[in-house]
Amino acid sequence: MNTKTEPFGNLVYQGRKSLGLTQNELAERIGIEASTISRIENGTRKKLGYQLVFKLKTSLQISEPKDGFKF
């Protein structure tokens, strides 16, 4: 049984792909730069504000794991 929480960037990538969105489309949808989406997905942007996390999880329909997100 895998008890490790999946990194948030992976969840963003998977959610974006499942909705058929490009990084540019997602960025435009939530009002940020596409380069920020790229850094979140590849794990180089570690510090994310609550509002950004909320916008991403809402836009991508990501459910928060019971043990929280891993950044």
PDB file of N, CA and C in Angstrom:
ATOM      1  N   MET A   1       0.838  -1.187   0.000  1.00  0.00           N
ATOM      2  CA  MET A   1       0.000   0.000   0.000  1.00  0.00           C
ATOM      3  C   MET A   1       0.878   1.243   0.000  1.00  0.00           C
ATOM      4  N   ASN A   2       0.614   2.146  -0.912  1.00  0.00           N
ATOM      5  CA  ASN A   2       1.390   3.374  -1.010  1.00  0.00           C
ATOM      6  C   ASN A   2       0.761   4.432  -0.117  1.00  0.00           C
ATOM      7  N   THR A   3       1.512   4.879   0.902  1.00  0.00           N
ATOM      8  CA  THR A   3       0.977   5.876   1.821  1.00  0.00           C
ATOM      9  C   THR A   3       1.532   7.269   1.544  1.00  0.00           C
ATOM     10  N   LYS A   4       2.385   7.398   0.544  1.00  0.00           N
ATOM     11  CA  LYS A   4       2.945   8.703   0.217  1.00  0.00           C
ATOM     12  C   LYS A   4       1.906   9.551  -0.516  1.00  0.00           C
ATOM     13  N   THR A   5       1.865  10.810  -0.160  1.00  0.00           N
ATOM     14  CA  THR A   5       0.984  11.747  -0.841  1.00  0.00           C
ATOM     15  C   THR A   5       1.617  12.142  -2.164  1.00  0.00           C
ATOM     16  N   GLU A   6       0.828  12.141  -3.212  1.00  0.00           N
ATOM     17  CA  GLU A   6       1.332  12.527  -4.526  1.00  0.00           C
ATOM     18  C   GLU A   6       1.622  14.025  -4.539  1.00  0.00           C
ATOM     19  N   PRO A   7       2.764  14.431  -5.106  1.00  0.00           N
ATOM     20  CA  PRO A   7       3.075  15.863  -5.166  1.00  0.00           C
ATOM     21  C   PRO A   7       1.976  16.655  -5.878  1.00  0.00           C
ATOM     22  N   PHE A   8       1.716  17.851  -5.371  1.00  0.00           N
ATOM     23  CA  PHE A   8       0.649  18.692  -5.908  1.00  0.00           C
ATOM     24  C   PHE A   8       0.850  18.965  -7.396  1.00  0.00           C
ATOM     25  N   GLY A   9       2.090  19.169  -7.817  1.00  0.00           N
ATOM     26  CA  GLY A   9       2.369  19.425  -9.233  1.00  0.00           C
ATOM     27  C   GLY A   9       1.898  18.299 -10.132  1.00  0.00           C
ATOM     28  N   ASN A  10       2.057  17.066  -9.666  1.00  0.00           N
ATOM     29  CA  ASN A  10       1.574  15.915 -10.442  1.00  0.00           C
ATOM     30  C   ASN A  10       0.053  15.928 -10.542  1.00  0.00           C
ATOM     31  N   LEU A  11      -0.599  16.301  -9.447  1.00  0.00           N
ATOM     32  CA  LEU A  11      -2.064  16.377  -9.460  1.00  0.00           C
ATOM     33  C   LEU A  11      -2.550  17.461 -10.421  1.00  0.00           C
ATOM     34  N   VAL A  12      -1.836  18.584 -10.444  1.00  0.00           N
ATOM     35  CA  VAL A  12      -2.189  19.666 -11.367  1.00  0.00           C
ATOM     36  C   VAL A  12      -2.023  19.186 -12.807  1.00  0.00           C
ATOM     37  N   TYR A  13      -0.894  18.550 -13.091  1.00  0.00           N
ATOM     38  CA  TYR A  13      -0.638  18.045 -14.444  1.00  0.00           C
ATOM     39  C   TYR A  13      -1.725  17.058 -14.871  1.00  0.00           C
ATOM     40  N   GLN A  14      -2.006  16.075 -14.017  1.00  0.00           N
ATOM     41  CA  GLN A  14      -3.002  15.057 -14.350  1.00  0.00           C
ATOM     42  C   GLN A  14      -4.392  15.669 -14.514  1.00  0.00           C
ATOM     43  N   GLY A  15      -4.743  16.592 -13.630  1.00  0.00           N
ATOM     44  CA  GLY A  15      -6.049  17.248 -13.722  1.00  0.00           C
ATOM     45  C   GLY A  15      -6.183  18.070 -14.987  1.00  0.00           C
ATOM     46  N   ARG A  16      -5.121  18.789 -15.325  1.00  0.00           N
ATOM     47  CA  ARG A  16      -5.132  19.613 -16.538  1.00  0.00           C
ATOM     48  C   ARG A  16      -5.275  18.744 -17.776  1.00  0.00           C
ATOM     49  N   LYS A  17      -4.509  17.659 -17.832  1.00  0.00           N
ATOM     50  CA  LYS A  17      -4.562  16.760 -18.986  1.00  0.00           C
ATOM     51  C   LYS A  17      -5.930  16.086 -19.101  1.00  0.00           C
ATOM     52  N   SER A  18      -6.504  15.697 -17.962  1.00  0.00           N
ATOM     53  CA  SER A  18      -7.800  15.009 -18.006  1.00  0.00           C
ATOM     54  C   SER A  18      -8.912  15.926 -18.518  1.00  0.00           C
ATOM     55  N   LEU A  19      -8.733  17.229 -18.343  1.00  0.00           N
ATOM     56  CA  LEU A  19      -9.715  18.189 -18.859  1.00  0.00           C
ATOM     57  C   LEU A  19      -9.355  18.680 -20.258  1.00  0.00           C
ATOM     58  N   GLY A  20      -8.234  18.200 -20.783  1.00  0.00           N
ATOM     59  CA  GLY A  20      -7.820  18.584 -22.130  1.00  0.00           C
ATOM     60  C   GLY A  20      -7.355  20.025 -22.249  1.00  0.00           C
ATOM     61  N   LEU A  21      -6.793  20.566 -21.163  1.00  0.00           N
ATOM     62  CA  LEU A  21      -6.343  21.953 -21.165  1.00  0.00           C
ATOM     63  C   LEU A  21      -4.839  22.045 -21.393  1.00  0.00           C
ATOM     64  N   THR A  22      -4.419  23.087 -22.086  1.00  0.00           N
ATOM     65  CA  THR A  22      -2.995  23.393 -22.174  1.00  0.00           C
ATOM     66  C   THR A  22      -2.614  24.214 -20.941  1.00  0.00           C
ATOM     67  N   GLN A  23      -1.318  24.373 -20.730  1.00  0.00           N
ATOM     68  CA  GLN A  23      -0.877  25.233 -19.630  1.00  0.00           C
ATOM     69  C   GLN A  23      -1.382  26.656 -19.838  1.00  0.00           C
ATOM     70  N   ASN A  24      -1.358  27.126 -21.072  1.00  0.00           N
ATOM     71  CA  ASN A  24      -1.847  28.481 -21.371  1.00  0.00           C
ATOM     72  C   ASN A  24      -3.332  28.623 -21.057  1.00  0.00           C
ATOM     73  N   GLU A  25      -4.122  27.629 -21.421  1.00  0.00           N
ATOM     74  CA  GLU A  25      -5.568  27.688 -21.168  1.00  0.00           C
ATOM     75  C   GLU A  25      -5.869  27.687 -19.675  1.00  0.00           C
ATOM     76  N   LEU A  26      -5.175  26.844 -18.924  1.00  0.00           N
ATOM     77  CA  LEU A  26      -5.387  26.809 -17.477  1.00  0.00           C
ATOM     78  C   LEU A  26      -4.954  28.125 -16.845  1.00  0.00           C
ATOM     79  N   ALA A  27      -3.805  28.624 -17.259  1.00  0.00           N
ATOM     80  CA  ALA A  27      -3.303  29.883 -16.712  1.00  0.00           C
ATOM     81  C   ALA A  27      -4.294  31.019 -16.965  1.00  0.00           C
ATOM     82  N   GLU A  28      -4.816  31.087 -18.166  1.00  0.00           N
ATOM     83  CA  GLU A  28      -5.790  32.122 -18.507  1.00  0.00           C
ATOM     84  C   GLU A  28      -7.062  31.963 -17.674  1.00  0.00           C
ATOM     85  N   ARG A  29      -7.476  30.733 -17.472  1.00  0.00           N
ATOM     86  CA  ARG A  29      -8.700  30.439 -16.717  1.00  0.00           C
ATOM     87  C   ARG A  29      -8.606  30.947 -15.277  1.00  0.00           C
ATOM     88  N   ILE A  30      -7.410  30.837 -14.666  1.00  0.00           N
ATOM     89  CA  ILE A  30      -7.286  31.228 -13.257  1.00  0.00           C
ATOM     90  C   ILE A  30      -6.514  32.529 -13.046  1.00  0.00           C
ATOM     91  N   GLY A  31      -6.069  33.152 -14.146  1.00  0.00           N
ATOM     92  CA  GLY A  31      -5.464  34.476 -14.044  1.00  0.00           C
ATOM     93  C   GLY A  31      -4.009  34.518 -13.617  1.00  0.00           C
ATOM     94  N   ILE A  32      -3.214  33.553 -14.071  1.00  0.00           N
ATOM     95  CA  ILE A  32      -1.779  33.563 -13.788  1.00  0.00           C
ATOM     96  C   ILE A  32      -1.013  33.303 -15.083  1.00  0.00           C
ATOM     97  N   GLU A  33       0.308  33.374 -15.009  1.00  0.00           N
ATOM     98  CA  GLU A  33       1.156  33.124 -16.175  1.00  0.00           C
ATOM     99  C   GLU A  33       1.303  31.624 -16.425  1.00  0.00           C
ATOM    100  N   ALA A  34       1.403  31.240 -17.688  1.00  0.00           N
ATOM    101  CA  ALA A  34       1.609  29.831 -18.040  1.00  0.00           C
ATOM    102  C   ALA A  34       2.923  29.308 -17.466  1.00  0.00           C
ATOM    103  N   SER A  35       3.922  30.173 -17.347  1.00  0.00           N
ATOM    104  CA  SER A  35       5.204  29.744 -16.773  1.00  0.00           C
ATOM    105  C   SER A  35       5.044  29.325 -15.310  1.00  0.00           C
ATOM    106  N   THR A  36       4.093  29.926 -14.613  1.00  0.00           N
ATOM    107  CA  THR A  36       3.823  29.530 -13.228  1.00  0.00           C
ATOM    108  C   THR A  36       3.233  28.125 -13.190  1.00  0.00           C
ATOM    109  N   ILE A  37       2.324  27.824 -14.106  1.00  0.00           N
ATOM    110  CA  ILE A  37       1.765  26.468 -14.194  1.00  0.00           C
ATOM    111  C   ILE A  37       2.890  25.473 -14.449  1.00  0.00           C
ATOM    112  N   SER A  38       3.782  25.803 -15.355  1.00  0.00           N
ATOM    113  CA  SER A  38       4.904  24.922 -15.676  1.00  0.00           C
ATOM    114  C   SER A  38       5.763  24.654 -14.441  1.00  0.00           C
ATOM    115  N   ARG A  39       6.084  25.704 -13.683  1.00  0.00           N
ATOM    116  CA  ARG A  39       6.920  25.532 -12.487  1.00  0.00           C
ATOM    117  C   ARG A  39       6.199  24.723 -11.406  1.00  0.00           C
ATOM    118  N   ILE A  40       4.892  24.897 -11.288  1.00  0.00           N
ATOM    119  CA  ILE A  40       4.126  24.106 -10.316  1.00  0.00           C
ATOM    120  C   ILE A  40       4.164  22.633 -10.713  1.00  0.00           C
ATOM    121  N   GLU A  41       3.913  22.359 -11.987  1.00  0.00           N
ATOM    122  CA  GLU A  41       3.874  20.973 -12.457  1.00  0.00           C
ATOM    123  C   GLU A  41       5.224  20.273 -12.344  1.00  0.00           C
ATOM    124  N   ASN A  42       6.311  20.999 -12.604  1.00  0.00           N
ATOM    125  CA  ASN A  42       7.616  20.329 -12.543  1.00  0.00           C
ATOM    126  C   ASN A  42       8.263  20.407 -11.164  1.00  0.00           C
ATOM    127  N   GLY A  43       7.565  21.023 -10.204  1.00  0.00           N
ATOM    128  CA  GLY A  43       8.018  21.008  -8.822  1.00  0.00           C
ATOM    129  C   GLY A  43       9.028  22.065  -8.443  1.00  0.00           C
ATOM    130  N   THR A  44       9.308  23.017  -9.322  1.00  0.00           N
ATOM    131  CA  THR A  44      10.270  24.059  -8.975  1.00  0.00           C
ATOM    132  C   THR A  44       9.617  25.244  -8.273  1.00  0.00           C
ATOM    133  N   ARG A  45       8.306  25.313  -8.292  1.00  0.00           N
ATOM    134  CA  ARG A  45       7.579  26.343  -7.534  1.00  0.00           C
ATOM    135  C   ARG A  45       6.967  25.641  -6.334  1.00  0.00           C
ATOM    136  N   LYS A  46       7.627  25.781  -5.182  1.00  0.00           N
ATOM    137  CA  LYS A  46       7.208  25.059  -3.976  1.00  0.00           C
ATOM    138  C   LYS A  46       6.210  25.846  -3.130  1.00  0.00           C
ATOM    139  N   LYS A  47       6.391  27.156  -3.043  1.00  0.00           N
ATOM    140  CA  LYS A  47       5.533  27.963  -2.181  1.00  0.00           C
ATOM    141  C   LYS A  47       4.335  28.473  -2.974  1.00  0.00           C
ATOM    142  N   LEU A  48       3.176  27.987  -2.592  1.00  0.00           N
ATOM    143  CA  LEU A  48       1.937  28.390  -3.254  1.00  0.00           C
ATOM    144  C   LEU A  48       1.001  28.969  -2.208  1.00  0.00           C
ATOM    145  N   GLY A  49       0.432  30.113  -2.507  1.00  0.00           N
ATOM    146  CA  GLY A  49      -0.525  30.714  -1.598  1.00  0.00           C
ATOM    147  C   GLY A  49      -1.840  29.947  -1.586  1.00  0.00           C
ATOM    148  N   TYR A  50      -2.597  30.157  -0.526  1.00  0.00           N
ATOM    149  CA  TYR A  50      -3.880  29.476  -0.375  1.00  0.00           C
ATOM    150  C   TYR A  50      -4.802  29.749  -1.558  1.00  0.00           C
ATOM    151  N   GLN A  51      -4.856  31.026  -2.007  1.00  0.00           N
ATOM    152  CA  GLN A  51      -5.768  31.372  -3.105  1.00  0.00           C
ATOM    153  C   GLN A  51      -5.403  30.643  -4.389  1.00  0.00           C
ATOM    154  N   LEU A  52      -4.101  30.521  -4.668  1.00  0.00           N
ATOM    155  CA  LEU A  52      -3.669  29.827  -5.878  1.00  0.00           C
ATOM    156  C   LEU A  52      -4.013  28.340  -5.794  1.00  0.00           C
ATOM    157  N   VAL A  53      -3.750  27.730  -4.649  1.00  0.00           N
ATOM    158  CA  VAL A  53      -4.093  26.315  -4.470  1.00  0.00           C
ATOM    159  C   VAL A  53      -5.597  26.122  -4.633  1.00  0.00           C
ATOM    160  N   PHE A  54      -6.384  27.013  -4.039  1.00  0.00           N
ATOM    161  CA  PHE A  54      -7.840  26.913  -4.144  1.00  0.00           C
ATOM    162  C   PHE A  54      -8.300  27.041  -5.597  1.00  0.00           C
ATOM    163  N   LYS A  55      -7.746  28.016  -6.333  1.00  0.00           N
ATOM    164  CA  LYS A  55      -8.120  28.197  -7.740  1.00  0.00           C
ATOM    165  C   LYS A  55      -7.775  26.960  -8.561  1.00  0.00           C
ATOM    166  N   LEU A  56      -6.593  26.406  -8.323  1.00  0.00           N
ATOM    167  CA  LEU A  56      -6.170  25.225  -9.077  1.00  0.00           C
ATOM    168  C   LEU A  56      -7.048  24.024  -8.759  1.00  0.00           C
ATOM    169  N   LYS A  57      -7.249  23.759  -7.466  1.00  0.00           N
ATOM    170  CA  LYS A  57      -8.030  22.560  -7.123  1.00  0.00           C
ATOM    171  C   LYS A  57      -9.486  22.695  -7.553  1.00  0.00           C
ATOM    172  N   THR A  58     -10.022  23.911  -7.552  1.00  0.00           N
ATOM    173  CA  THR A  58     -11.390  24.132  -8.004  1.00  0.00           C
ATOM    174  C   THR A  58     -11.491  23.991  -9.523  1.00  0.00           C
ATOM    175  N   SER A  59     -10.590  24.642 -10.241  1.00  0.00           N
ATOM    176  CA  SER A  59     -10.615  24.597 -11.709  1.00  0.00           C
ATOM    177  C   SER A  59     -10.390  23.199 -12.248  1.00  0.00           C
ATOM    178  N   LEU A  60      -9.546  22.436 -11.556  1.00  0.00           N
ATOM    179  CA  LEU A  60      -9.185  21.100 -12.040  1.00  0.00           C
ATOM    180  C   LEU A  60      -9.963  19.987 -11.348  1.00  0.00           C
ATOM    181  N   GLN A  61     -10.863  20.363 -10.444  1.00  0.00           N
ATOM    182  CA  GLN A  61     -11.687  19.389  -9.720  1.00  0.00           C
ATOM    183  C   GLN A  61     -10.819  18.371  -8.972  1.00  0.00           C
ATOM    184  N   ILE A  62      -9.795  18.885  -8.285  1.00  0.00           N
ATOM    185  CA  ILE A  62      -8.885  18.046  -7.504  1.00  0.00           C
ATOM    186  C   ILE A  62      -9.429  17.947  -6.086  1.00  0.00           C
ATOM    187  N   SER A  63      -9.566  16.728  -5.586  1.00  0.00           N
ATOM    188  CA  SER A  63      -9.983  16.516  -4.204  1.00  0.00           C
ATOM    189  C   SER A  63      -8.748  16.521  -3.313  1.00  0.00           C
ATOM    190  N   GLU A  64      -8.858  17.203  -2.182  1.00  0.00           N
ATOM    191  CA  GLU A  64      -7.727  17.252  -1.257  1.00  0.00           C
ATOM    192  C   GLU A  64      -7.607  15.932  -0.510  1.00  0.00           C
ATOM    193  N   PRO A  65      -6.400  15.337  -0.510  1.00  0.00           N
ATOM    194  CA  PRO A  65      -6.200  14.097   0.236  1.00  0.00           C
ATOM    195  C   PRO A  65      -6.404  14.338   1.731  1.00  0.00           C
ATOM    196  N   LYS A  66      -6.800  13.315   2.463  1.00  0.00           N
ATOM    197  CA  LYS A  66      -7.069  13.493   3.892  1.00  0.00           C
ATOM    198  C   LYS A  66      -5.832  13.928   4.664  1.00  0.00           C
ATOM    199  N   ASP A  67      -4.643  13.596   4.157  1.00  0.00           N
ATOM    200  CA  ASP A  67      -3.414  14.020   4.831  1.00  0.00           C
ATOM    201  C   ASP A  67      -2.816  15.276   4.201  1.00  0.00           C
ATOM    202  N   GLY A  68      -3.585  15.976   3.393  1.00  0.00           N
ATOM    203  CA  GLY A  68      -3.155  17.239   2.793  1.00  0.00           C
ATOM    204  C   GLY A  68      -2.338  17.058   1.533  1.00  0.00           C
ATOM    205  N   PHE A  69      -1.999  18.178   0.929  1.00  0.00           N
ATOM    206  CA  PHE A  69      -1.200  18.167  -0.291  1.00  0.00           C
ATOM    207  C   PHE A  69       0.281  18.161   0.050  1.00  0.00           C
ATOM    208  N   LYS A  70       1.073  17.557  -0.815  1.00  0.00           N
ATOM    209  CA  LYS A  70       2.529  17.569  -0.698  1.00  0.00           C
ATOM    210  C   LYS A  70       3.051  18.534  -1.752  1.00  0.00           C
ATOM    211  N   PHE A  71       3.916  19.475  -1.324  1.00  0.00           N
ATOM    212  CA  PHE A  71       4.442  20.468  -2.266  1.00  0.00           C
ATOM    213  C   PHE A  71       5.902  20.281  -2.516  1.00  0.00           C
TER     214      PHE A  71
END
